[in-house]
Amino acid sequence: MSDEAEYLTVADVAKLLQVSKPTVMVAHRKQGLPALRIGRVFRFARVDVEAWIAKQKEAGHGGRAA
């Protein structure tokens, strides 16, 4: 396994979460989805996104029955 973090674009996160790109940005601004901003570009560390998803599930904010 590589020590380098994998970074996702807004579009990547939207696809992962099955939501629109604007919804990803709302989650970042209002729901604490962690991101790095480099100029006008946002990048999301995959490990941070996965941790945020787990936190949302624990708090009862989503998750569908399989």
Protein backbone atom coordinates (compact mmCIF):
# COMPACT_ATOMS: atom_id res chain seq x y z
CA MET A 1 0.00 0.00 0.00
CA SER A 2 1.31 3.44 -0.91
CA ASP A 3 1.96 6.13 1.71
CA GLU A 4 0.56 8.73 -0.67
CA ALA A 5 -3.00 9.83 0.01
CA GLU A 6 -5.50 9.47 -2.80
CA TYR A 7 -7.28 12.73 -3.58
CA LEU A 8 -10.67 12.95 -5.23
CA THR A 9 -12.26 15.73 -7.26
CA VAL A 10 -15.73 17.09 -6.54
CA ALA A 11 -16.99 14.94 -9.42
CA ASP A 12 -15.30 11.84 -7.93
CA VAL A 13 -16.93 12.42 -4.54
CA ALA A 14 -20.31 13.07 -6.19
CA LYS A 15 -20.05 9.76 -8.02
CA LEU A 16 -18.96 7.94 -4.85
CA LEU A 17 -21.89 9.36 -2.86
CA GLN A 18 -24.33 9.20 -5.80
CA VAL A 19 -25.24 12.88 -5.48
CA SER A 20 -24.74 16.01 -7.56
CA LYS A 21 -21.59 18.13 -7.47
CA PRO A 22 -23.44 21.05 -5.82
CA THR A 23 -24.61 18.65 -3.08
CA VAL A 24 -20.96 17.72 -2.41
CA MET A 25 -20.12 21.40 -1.97
CA VAL A 26 -23.08 21.91 0.39
CA ALA A 27 -21.86 18.92 2.42
CA HIS A 28 -18.43 20.55 2.56
CA ARG A 29 -19.69 23.98 3.59
CA LYS A 30 -22.52 23.03 5.94
CA GLN A 31 -21.95 19.44 7.05
CA GLY A 32 -18.20 19.34 7.61
CA LEU A 33 -17.06 17.22 4.66
CA PRO A 34 -13.29 17.88 4.82
CA ALA A 35 -11.56 19.26 1.73
CA LEU A 36 -8.40 20.99 0.62
CA ARG A 37 -8.73 24.13 -1.42
CA ILE A 38 -5.95 24.90 -3.86
CA GLY A 39 -6.78 28.17 -5.55
CA ARG A 40 -10.26 27.65 -6.96
CA VAL A 41 -10.00 23.85 -6.94
CA PHE A 42 -11.18 21.50 -4.18
CA ARG A 43 -9.68 18.09 -3.48
CA PHE A 44 -10.96 15.52 -0.99
CA ALA A 45 -8.71 12.88 0.61
CA ARG A 46 -10.40 9.51 0.15
CA VAL A 47 -9.66 8.51 3.75
CA ASP A 48 -11.30 11.73 5.01
CA VAL A 49 -14.37 11.19 2.84
CA GLU A 50 -14.72 7.60 4.05
CA ALA A 51 -14.33 8.72 7.69
CA TRP A 52 -16.94 11.45 7.16
CA ILE A 53 -19.37 8.91 5.68
CA ALA A 54 -18.86 6.60 8.68
CA LYS A 55 -19.43 9.53 11.06
CA GLN A 56 -22.65 10.46 9.24
CA LYS A 57 -23.90 6.88 9.49
CA GLU A 58 -23.09 6.73 13.22
CA ALA A 59 -24.99 9.97 13.77
CA GLY A 60 -27.99 8.57 11.89
CA HIS A 61 -27.65 10.93 8.93
CA GLY A 62 -28.04 8.52 6.09
CA GLY A 63 -27.15 5.11 4.94
CA ARG A 64 -29.45 2.76 3.17
CA ALA A 65 -30.32 -0.78 4.07
CA ALA A 66 -28.43 -3.20 1.86
